[in-house]
Amino acid sequence: MSFNVEGNILVIEGQGPWNLDAIDQSVIETKEKIEKLYWKPWGVLVIAHGDSILIPEAVKKLIQIIESDRTKGRLATALIIRNCEIPNLVETHLGKIYMTAGDEFAFFDEEKDARQWLQQQLNSQMRILPVA
């Protein structure tokens, strides 16, 4: 899994399926990078390879992470699913996670379209963020 900050976007690229250890490890690996985004509008671009299905414990953890991030300026998530055998199932599964967490999200085939949508979300969503 790789994590990069590009301006006000956290880019996450990885291979599913996901378990709780993978989610916990991603929190550790992104801590310093993601803290640079806090308290200003930011978004996430997820590029998931393979069948990105999370086990129930990982689902709960990811929902908690997204909910927490949304209190720190996270506004939206653009998702791209690649090399997946069950894309409709994966989109439904991930969509439920992001919906439960209260995140603005959308699925895309092309990275260019995902980035454009994400930037539009960041530019258009005026929101009062908590003071650090």
Protein backbone atom coordinates (compact mmCIF):
# COMPACT_ATOMS: atom_id res chain seq x y z
CA MET A 1 0.00 0.00 0.00
CA SER A 2 1.28 3.49 -0.79
CA PHE A 3 0.29 6.86 0.63
CA ASN A 4 1.17 10.25 -0.85
CA VAL A 5 -0.02 13.77 -0.20
CA GLU A 6 -0.47 15.84 -3.36
CA GLY A 7 -1.55 19.33 -2.43
CA ASN A 8 -4.76 18.88 -0.44
CA ILE A 9 -5.34 15.28 -1.59
CA LEU A 10 -4.23 12.10 0.15
CA VAL A 11 -3.63 9.45 -2.52
CA ILE A 12 -3.95 5.87 -1.30
CA GLU A 13 -3.12 3.00 -3.64
CA GLY A 14 -3.29 -0.62 -2.58
CA GLN A 15 -4.35 -4.19 -3.17
CA GLY A 16 -7.34 -5.84 -1.44
CA PRO A 17 -8.74 -7.75 0.35
CA TRP A 18 -8.35 -5.88 3.65
CA ASN A 19 -8.24 -7.07 7.24
CA LEU A 20 -7.97 -5.17 10.52
CA ASP A 21 -4.16 -5.44 10.59
CA ALA A 22 -3.95 -3.82 7.15
CA ILE A 23 -6.16 -0.93 8.27
CA ASP A 24 -4.20 -0.47 11.51
CA GLN A 25 -0.90 -0.51 9.60
CA SER A 26 -2.21 2.11 7.17
CA VAL A 27 -3.06 4.40 10.10
CA ILE A 28 0.51 4.11 11.37
CA GLU A 29 2.01 4.68 7.92
CA THR A 30 -0.11 7.74 7.11
CA LYS A 31 -0.04 9.47 10.51
CA GLU A 32 2.60 12.11 9.71
CA LYS A 33 1.45 12.68 6.14
CA ILE A 34 -2.22 12.99 6.97
CA GLU A 35 -1.68 15.36 9.90
CA LYS A 36 -0.33 17.93 7.42
CA LEU A 37 -3.80 18.05 5.86
CA TYR A 38 -5.76 18.54 9.07
CA TRP A 39 -7.80 21.68 9.72
CA LYS A 40 -8.10 22.69 6.07
CA PRO A 41 -10.30 21.22 3.33
CA TRP A 42 -8.83 17.98 1.97
CA GLY A 43 -9.89 14.86 0.16
CA VAL A 44 -8.84 11.30 -0.52
CA LEU A 45 -8.20 9.52 -3.81
CA VAL A 46 -8.33 5.74 -3.35
CA ILE A 47 -6.98 3.54 -6.13
CA ALA A 48 -7.84 -0.02 -5.12
CA HIS A 49 -6.53 -3.01 -7.05
CA GLY A 50 -8.23 -6.38 -6.88
CA ASP A 51 -11.27 -7.41 -4.90
CA SER A 52 -11.32 -4.79 -2.16
CA ILE A 53 -13.58 -6.42 0.39
CA LEU A 54 -13.08 -5.65 4.07
CA ILE A 55 -13.79 -8.05 6.92
CA PRO A 56 -16.38 -6.75 9.46
CA GLU A 57 -13.76 -5.60 12.00
CA ALA A 58 -11.92 -3.66 9.30
CA VAL A 59 -15.20 -2.10 8.13
CA LYS A 60 -15.90 -0.78 11.64
CA LYS A 61 -12.36 0.60 11.94
CA LEU A 62 -12.46 2.30 8.53
CA ILE A 63 -15.80 3.94 9.35
CA GLN A 64 -14.31 5.28 12.60
CA ILE A 65 -11.27 6.63 10.73
CA ILE A 66 -13.40 8.38 8.10
CA GLU A 67 -15.72 9.87 10.74
CA SER A 68 -12.71 11.17 12.68
CA ASP A 69 -11.06 12.56 9.54
CA ARG A 70 -14.27 14.40 8.64
CA THR A 71 -13.99 16.38 11.88
CA LYS A 72 -10.48 17.41 10.74
CA GLY A 73 -11.30 18.80 7.31
CA ARG A 74 -11.80 15.72 5.12
CA LEU A 75 -14.57 16.57 2.65
CA ALA A 76 -14.75 13.83 0.01
CA THR A 77 -13.35 10.59 -1.38
CA ALA A 78 -12.92 9.57 -5.01
CA LEU A 79 -12.56 5.82 -5.56
CA ILE A 80 -11.13 3.91 -8.51
CA ILE A 81 -11.45 0.12 -8.60
CA ARG A 82 -8.98 -1.64 -10.90
CA ASN A 83 -8.34 -5.27 -11.87
CA CYS A 84 -11.39 -6.42 -9.95
CA GLU A 85 -13.28 -9.65 -10.63
CA ILE A 86 -16.43 -8.44 -8.81
CA PRO A 87 -16.62 -4.66 -9.39
CA ASN A 88 -20.34 -4.26 -8.67
CA LEU A 89 -20.03 -6.08 -5.34
CA VAL A 90 -16.94 -4.08 -4.38
CA GLU A 91 -18.61 -0.76 -5.24
CA THR A 92 -21.69 -1.70 -3.21
CA HIS A 93 -19.55 -2.86 -0.29
CA LEU A 94 -17.32 0.23 -0.24
CA GLY A 95 -20.25 2.55 -0.91
CA LYS A 96 -22.00 1.31 2.24
CA ILE A 97 -18.85 2.00 4.27
CA TYR A 98 -18.44 5.57 3.01
CA MET A 99 -22.18 6.27 3.29
CA THR A 100 -22.27 5.00 6.88
CA ALA A 101 -19.30 7.23 7.71
CA GLY A 102 -21.11 10.26 6.26
CA ASP A 103 -18.52 10.86 3.56
CA GLU A 104 -19.12 12.44 0.15
CA PHE A 105 -17.84 9.87 -2.33
CA ALA A 106 -17.99 8.76 -5.95
CA PHE A 107 -16.56 5.96 -8.09
CA PHE A 108 -14.57 6.57 -11.27
CA ASP A 109 -12.93 4.60 -14.05
CA GLU A 110 -10.32 7.24 -14.89
CA GLU A 111 -7.93 8.92 -12.48
CA LYS A 112 -8.21 12.24 -14.32
CA ASP A 113 -11.99 12.27 -13.77
CA ALA A 114 -11.61 11.27 -10.12
CA ARG A 115 -9.13 14.07 -9.44
CA GLN A 116 -11.30 16.62 -11.24
CA TRP A 117 -14.39 15.65 -9.23
CA LEU A 118 -12.43 15.66 -5.99
CA GLN A 119 -11.01 19.11 -6.66
CA GLN A 120 -14.51 20.39 -7.50
CA GLN A 121 -15.76 19.02 -4.18
CA LEU A 122 -12.94 20.72 -2.31
CA ASN A 123 -13.43 24.01 -4.13
CA SER A 124 -17.22 24.11 -3.78
CA GLN A 125 -17.80 22.88 -0.26
CA MET A 126 -17.55 25.83 2.02
CA ARG A 127 -17.38 24.49 5.54
CA ILE A 128 -16.40 25.88 8.89
CA LEU A 129 -13.67 23.65 10.24
CA PRO A 130 -12.87 23.24 13.93
CA VAL A 131 -10.01 25.35 15.21
CA ALA A 132 -6.90 23.29 15.93
